[in-house]
């Protein structure tokens, strides 16, 4: 059968005292993981949208009424909220595993959602977060308007829109399950 981590063949009961019933859809454990999955997606999406909105505000310059909010948002340090997006597929696969066969990793909506999530993360890692780091450094160094800063802010705004659209589309796919 395999090692300690081997799963039983499809259709056989899970190796838990109750046969895995406590983990099935509709149970409290499944509901908690589902809520964490949804919360991670919403927090990640909110962080991405906030980056885009504050990027637009930052393009108005250091003397704009919104400059204080921009300085607070782009202060030095990591953006942990955006990284919560990495929990989404982990929790999603946990849900598939807990579903007792109701869902599988090969289901169309799971594959589509994972593809959209991968596109979102590629955009975040390749464009959004590196541009945000450069903007943070520029704002921390005195926020002197320049062509490079404006380019980075445009990248933040556009990448946030693209990443946000991918995450939102993935959420729709997960809800509708076409």
C-alpha atoms as a PDB file:
ATOM      1  CA  UNK A   1       0.000   0.000   0.000  1.00  0.00           C
ATOM      2  CA  UNK A   2       2.835   2.452   0.647  1.00  0.00           C
ATOM      3  CA  UNK A   3       4.392   4.480   3.416  1.00  0.00           C
ATOM      4  CA  UNK A   4       2.944   6.411   6.299  1.00  0.00           C
ATOM      5  CA  UNK A   5       1.575   9.162   4.043  1.00  0.00           C
ATOM      6  CA  UNK A   6      -0.067   6.832   1.522  1.00  0.00           C
ATOM      7  CA  UNK A   7      -3.791   7.322   1.071  1.00  0.00           C
ATOM      8  CA  UNK A   8      -6.168   4.393   0.767  1.00  0.00           C
ATOM      9  CA  UNK A   9      -7.538   3.506  -2.669  1.00  0.00           C
ATOM     10  CA  UNK A  10     -10.353   5.688  -4.004  1.00  0.00           C
ATOM     11  CA  UNK A  11     -13.720   4.732  -2.549  1.00  0.00           C
ATOM     12  CA  UNK A  12     -12.351   3.091   0.574  1.00  0.00           C
ATOM     13  CA  UNK A  13     -12.927   4.690   3.961  1.00  0.00           C
ATOM     14  CA  UNK A  14     -10.387   7.204   5.178  1.00  0.00           C
ATOM     15  CA  UNK A  15      -8.081   5.994   7.948  1.00  0.00           C
ATOM     16  CA  UNK A  16      -9.800   7.868  10.762  1.00  0.00           C
ATOM     17  CA  UNK A  17     -11.763   6.432  13.673  1.00  0.00           C
ATOM     18  CA  UNK A  18     -14.999   7.746  12.158  1.00  0.00           C
ATOM     19  CA  UNK A  19     -14.051   6.795   8.591  1.00  0.00           C
ATOM     20  CA  UNK A  20     -13.389  10.455   7.779  1.00  0.00           C
ATOM     21  CA  UNK A  21     -16.976  11.596   8.264  1.00  0.00           C
ATOM     22  CA  UNK A  22     -15.840  14.529  10.458  1.00  0.00           C
ATOM     23  CA  UNK A  23     -13.954  15.981   7.476  1.00  0.00           C
ATOM     24  CA  UNK A  24     -16.645  15.640   4.802  1.00  0.00           C
ATOM     25  CA  UNK A  25     -18.409  18.628   3.193  1.00  0.00           C
ATOM     26  CA  UNK A  26     -20.971  20.152   5.525  1.00  0.00           C
ATOM     27  CA  UNK A  27     -19.063  19.213   8.661  1.00  0.00           C
ATOM     28  CA  UNK A  28     -17.568  21.796  11.025  1.00  0.00           C
ATOM     29  CA  UNK A  29     -13.974  20.891  10.065  1.00  0.00           C
ATOM     30  CA  UNK A  30     -14.681  21.260   6.351  1.00  0.00           C
ATOM     31  CA  UNK A  31     -16.524  24.536   6.984  1.00  0.00           C
ATOM     32  CA  UNK A  32     -13.567  25.954   8.933  1.00  0.00           C
ATOM     33  CA  UNK A  33     -11.134  25.091   6.125  1.00  0.00           C
ATOM     34  CA  UNK A  34     -13.582  26.489   3.550  1.00  0.00           C
ATOM     35  CA  UNK A  35     -13.876  29.756   5.495  1.00  0.00           C
ATOM     36  CA  UNK A  36     -10.083  29.996   5.752  1.00  0.00           C
ATOM     37  CA  UNK A  37      -9.825  29.350   1.983  1.00  0.00           C
ATOM     38  CA  UNK A  38     -12.327  32.112   1.202  1.00  0.00           C
ATOM     39  CA  UNK A  39     -10.770  34.497   3.744  1.00  0.00           C
ATOM     40  CA  UNK A  40      -7.311  33.991   2.238  1.00  0.00           C
ATOM     41  CA  UNK A  41      -8.657  34.768  -1.232  1.00  0.00           C
ATOM     42  CA  UNK A  42     -10.486  37.882  -0.002  1.00  0.00           C
ATOM     43  CA  UNK A  43      -7.540  39.208   2.032  1.00  0.00           C
ATOM     44  CA  UNK A  44      -5.183  38.612  -0.903  1.00  0.00           C
ATOM     45  CA  UNK A  45      -7.574  40.264  -3.343  1.00  0.00           C
ATOM     46  CA  UNK A  46      -8.063  43.203  -0.980  1.00  0.00           C
ATOM     47  CA  UNK A  47      -4.308  43.674  -0.699  1.00  0.00           C
ATOM     48  CA  UNK A  48      -3.886  43.631  -4.471  1.00  0.00           C
ATOM     49  CA  UNK A  49      -6.738  46.114  -4.988  1.00  0.00           C
ATOM     50  CA  UNK A  50      -5.315  48.382  -2.265  1.00  0.00           C
ATOM     51  CA  UNK A  51      -1.938  48.372  -4.027  1.00  0.00           C
ATOM     52  CA  UNK A  52      -3.567  49.513  -7.245  1.00  0.00           C
ATOM     53  CA  UNK A  53      -5.645  52.223  -5.592  1.00  0.00           C
ATOM     54  CA  UNK A  54      -2.719  53.597  -3.596  1.00  0.00           C
ATOM     55  CA  UNK A  55      -0.577  53.421  -6.734  1.00  0.00           C
ATOM     56  CA  UNK A  56      -3.077  55.710  -8.463  1.00  0.00           C
ATOM     57  CA  UNK A  57      -3.008  58.084  -5.477  1.00  0.00           C
ATOM     58  CA  UNK A  58       0.810  58.073  -5.451  1.00  0.00           C
ATOM     59  CA  UNK A  59       0.919  59.218  -9.071  1.00  0.00           C
ATOM     60  CA  UNK A  60      -0.649  62.501  -7.878  1.00  0.00           C
ATOM     61  CA  UNK A  61       2.633  63.318  -6.166  1.00  0.00           C
ATOM     62  CA  UNK A  62       4.055  63.982  -2.712  1.00  0.00           C
ATOM     63  CA  UNK A  63       2.107  67.228  -2.273  1.00  0.00           C
ATOM     64  CA  UNK A  64      -1.331  65.740  -2.962  1.00  0.00           C
ATOM     65  CA  UNK A  65      -3.863  65.505  -0.100  1.00  0.00           C
ATOM     66  CA  UNK A  66      -3.502  61.713  -0.197  1.00  0.00           C
ATOM     67  CA  UNK A  67       0.294  61.817   0.258  1.00  0.00           C
ATOM     68  CA  UNK A  68       0.119  60.810   3.932  1.00  0.00           C
ATOM     69  CA  UNK A  69      -1.876  57.694   3.104  1.00  0.00           C
ATOM     70  CA  UNK A  70       0.554  56.852   0.312  1.00  0.00           C
ATOM     71  CA  UNK A  71       3.530  57.219   2.675  1.00  0.00           C
ATOM     72  CA  UNK A  72       1.852  54.950   5.224  1.00  0.00           C
ATOM     73  CA  UNK A  73       0.961  52.312   2.646  1.00  0.00           C
ATOM     74  CA  UNK A  74       4.347  52.308   0.937  1.00  0.00           C
ATOM     75  CA  UNK A  75       6.378  52.404   4.134  1.00  0.00           C
ATOM     76  CA  UNK A  76       9.321  49.980   4.207  1.00  0.00           C
ATOM     77  CA  UNK A  77       8.668  46.374   5.053  1.00  0.00           C
ATOM     78  CA  UNK A  78       7.062  43.274   3.593  1.00  0.00           C
ATOM     79  CA  UNK A  79       3.484  43.131   2.376  1.00  0.00           C
ATOM     80  CA  UNK A  80       2.253  40.073   4.232  1.00  0.00           C
ATOM     81  CA  UNK A  81      -1.411  40.444   3.249  1.00  0.00           C
ATOM     82  CA  UNK A  82      -0.669  39.858  -0.423  1.00  0.00           C
ATOM     83  CA  UNK A  83       1.321  36.731   0.362  1.00  0.00           C
ATOM     84  CA  UNK A  84      -1.802  35.228   1.936  1.00  0.00           C
ATOM     85  CA  UNK A  85      -2.700  34.326  -1.652  1.00  0.00           C
ATOM     86  CA  UNK A  86      -0.271  31.413  -1.330  1.00  0.00           C
ATOM     87  CA  UNK A  87      -2.614  29.821   1.209  1.00  0.00           C
ATOM     88  CA  UNK A  88      -5.493  29.696  -1.297  1.00  0.00           C
ATOM     89  CA  UNK A  89      -4.441  26.593  -3.280  1.00  0.00           C
ATOM     90  CA  UNK A  90      -3.091  24.859  -0.184  1.00  0.00           C
ATOM     91  CA  UNK A  91      -6.466  25.212   1.512  1.00  0.00           C
ATOM     92  CA  UNK A  92      -8.225  24.393  -1.767  1.00  0.00           C
ATOM     93  CA  UNK A  93      -6.382  21.085  -2.075  1.00  0.00           C
ATOM     94  CA  UNK A  94      -7.172  20.393   1.577  1.00  0.00           C
ATOM     95  CA  UNK A  95     -10.851  20.897   0.724  1.00  0.00           C
ATOM     96  CA  UNK A  96     -10.578  18.530  -2.239  1.00  0.00           C
ATOM     97  CA  UNK A  97      -8.974  15.956   0.034  1.00  0.00           C
ATOM     98  CA  UNK A  98     -11.625  16.447   2.699  1.00  0.00           C
ATOM     99  CA  UNK A  99     -14.506  16.227   0.208  1.00  0.00           C
ATOM    100  CA  UNK A 100     -14.578  12.410   0.277  1.00  0.00           C
ATOM    101  CA  UNK A 101     -14.785  12.256  -3.497  1.00  0.00           C
ATOM    102  CA  UNK A 102     -17.318  15.062  -3.976  1.00  0.00           C
ATOM    103  CA  UNK A 103     -14.546  17.035  -5.727  1.00  0.00           C
ATOM    104  CA  UNK A 104     -11.306  16.003  -7.389  1.00  0.00           C
ATOM    105  CA  UNK A 105      -8.154  17.832  -8.432  1.00  0.00           C
ATOM    106  CA  UNK A 106      -9.090  17.040 -12.044  1.00  0.00           C
ATOM    107  CA  UNK A 107     -12.497  18.757 -11.929  1.00  0.00           C
ATOM    108  CA  UNK A 108     -12.731  21.512 -14.516  1.00  0.00           C
ATOM    109  CA  UNK A 109     -13.442  24.271 -12.016  1.00  0.00           C
ATOM    110  CA  UNK A 110     -10.469  23.214  -9.865  1.00  0.00           C
ATOM    111  CA  UNK A 111      -8.115  23.179 -12.866  1.00  0.00           C
ATOM    112  CA  UNK A 112      -9.457  26.524 -14.148  1.00  0.00           C
ATOM    113  CA  UNK A 113      -9.255  28.119 -10.707  1.00  0.00           C
ATOM    114  CA  UNK A 114      -5.711  26.865 -10.214  1.00  0.00           C
ATOM    115  CA  UNK A 115      -4.701  28.168 -13.647  1.00  0.00           C
ATOM    116  CA  UNK A 116      -6.131  31.597 -12.878  1.00  0.00           C
ATOM    117  CA  UNK A 117      -4.425  31.579  -9.480  1.00  0.00           C
ATOM    118  CA  UNK A 118      -1.096  30.653 -11.132  1.00  0.00           C
ATOM    119  CA  UNK A 119      -1.488  33.526 -13.605  1.00  0.00           C
ATOM    120  CA  UNK A 120      -2.255  35.893 -10.732  1.00  0.00           C
ATOM    121  CA  UNK A 121       0.787  34.772  -8.752  1.00  0.00           C
ATOM    122  CA  UNK A 122       3.042  35.017 -11.788  1.00  0.00           C
ATOM    123  CA  UNK A 123       1.886  38.613 -12.311  1.00  0.00           C
ATOM    124  CA  UNK A 124       2.302  39.415  -8.617  1.00  0.00           C
ATOM    125  CA  UNK A 125       5.769  37.881  -8.318  1.00  0.00           C
ATOM    126  CA  UNK A 126       7.099  39.084 -11.679  1.00  0.00           C
ATOM    127  CA  UNK A 127       5.644  42.607 -11.844  1.00  0.00           C
ATOM    128  CA  UNK A 128       3.490  43.814  -8.940  1.00  0.00           C
ATOM    129  CA  UNK A 129       5.598  43.014  -5.886  1.00  0.00           C
ATOM    130  CA  UNK A 130       8.979  43.982  -7.405  1.00  0.00           C
ATOM    131  CA  UNK A 131       7.494  47.325  -8.550  1.00  0.00           C
ATOM    132  CA  UNK A 132       5.998  47.826  -5.080  1.00  0.00           C
ATOM    133  CA  UNK A 133       9.400  47.234  -3.491  1.00  0.00           C
ATOM    134  CA  UNK A 134      10.977  49.863  -5.751  1.00  0.00           C
ATOM    135  CA  UNK A 135       8.175  52.325  -4.940  1.00  0.00           C
ATOM    136  CA  UNK A 136       8.640  51.674  -1.206  1.00  0.00           C
ATOM    137  CA  UNK A 137      12.338  52.451  -1.502  1.00  0.00           C
ATOM    138  CA  UNK A 138      11.631  55.632  -3.500  1.00  0.00           C
ATOM    139  CA  UNK A 139       8.965  56.867  -1.078  1.00  0.00           C
ATOM    140  CA  UNK A 140      11.196  56.060   1.895  1.00  0.00           C
ATOM    141  CA  UNK A 141      14.099  57.954   0.254  1.00  0.00           C
ATOM    142  CA  UNK A 142      12.082  61.176   0.089  1.00  0.00           C
ATOM    143  CA  UNK A 143       9.565  60.550  -2.685  1.00  0.00           C
ATOM    144  CA  UNK A 144      11.184  62.635  -5.395  1.00  0.00           C
ATOM    145  CA  UNK A 145       9.064  62.398  -8.557  1.00  0.00           C
ATOM    146  CA  UNK A 146      10.975  60.834 -11.442  1.00  0.00           C
ATOM    147  CA  UNK A 147      10.363  58.958 -14.656  1.00  0.00           C
ATOM    148  CA  UNK A 148      11.496  55.715 -12.991  1.00  0.00           C
ATOM    149  CA  UNK A 149       9.097  56.173 -10.064  1.00  0.00           C
ATOM    150  CA  UNK A 150       6.229  56.994 -12.411  1.00  0.00           C
ATOM    151  CA  UNK A 151       7.017  53.879 -14.468  1.00  0.00           C
ATOM    152  CA  UNK A 152       7.038  51.746 -11.315  1.00  0.00           C
ATOM    153  CA  UNK A 153       3.733  53.244 -10.168  1.00  0.00           C
ATOM    154  CA  UNK A 154       2.184  52.493 -13.576  1.00  0.00           C
ATOM    155  CA  UNK A 155       3.429  48.906 -13.219  1.00  0.00           C
ATOM    156  CA  UNK A 156       1.885  48.675  -9.747  1.00  0.00           C
ATOM    157  CA  UNK A 157      -1.466  49.974 -10.998  1.00  0.00           C
ATOM    158  CA  UNK A 158      -1.603  47.805 -14.131  1.00  0.00           C
ATOM    159  CA  UNK A 159      -0.293  44.667 -12.460  1.00  0.00           C
ATOM    160  CA  UNK A 160      -2.704  45.104  -9.549  1.00  0.00           C
ATOM    161  CA  UNK A 161      -5.574  45.342 -12.030  1.00  0.00           C
ATOM    162  CA  UNK A 162      -4.427  42.217 -13.900  1.00  0.00           C
ATOM    163  CA  UNK A 163      -3.672  40.185 -10.774  1.00  0.00           C
ATOM    164  CA  UNK A 164      -6.925  41.316  -9.171  1.00  0.00           C
ATOM    165  CA  UNK A 165      -8.874  40.320 -12.273  1.00  0.00           C
ATOM    166  CA  UNK A 166      -7.301  36.848 -12.242  1.00  0.00           C
ATOM    167  CA  UNK A 167      -8.032  36.353  -8.541  1.00  0.00           C
ATOM    168  CA  UNK A 168     -11.614  37.616  -8.960  1.00  0.00           C
ATOM    169  CA  UNK A 169     -12.143  35.335 -11.973  1.00  0.00           C
ATOM    170  CA  UNK A 170     -10.766  32.379  -9.988  1.00  0.00           C
ATOM    171  CA  UNK A 171     -13.180  33.184  -7.151  1.00  0.00           C
ATOM    172  CA  UNK A 172     -16.095  33.291  -9.593  1.00  0.00           C
ATOM    173  CA  UNK A 173     -15.054  29.950 -11.093  1.00  0.00           C
ATOM    174  CA  UNK A 174     -14.857  28.422  -7.594  1.00  0.00           C
ATOM    175  CA  UNK A 175     -18.314  29.707  -6.681  1.00  0.00           C
ATOM    176  CA  UNK A 176     -20.098  28.878  -9.959  1.00  0.00           C
ATOM    177  CA  UNK A 177     -18.260  25.561 -10.577  1.00  0.00           C
ATOM    178  CA  UNK A 178     -19.035  25.474 -14.319  1.00  0.00           C
END
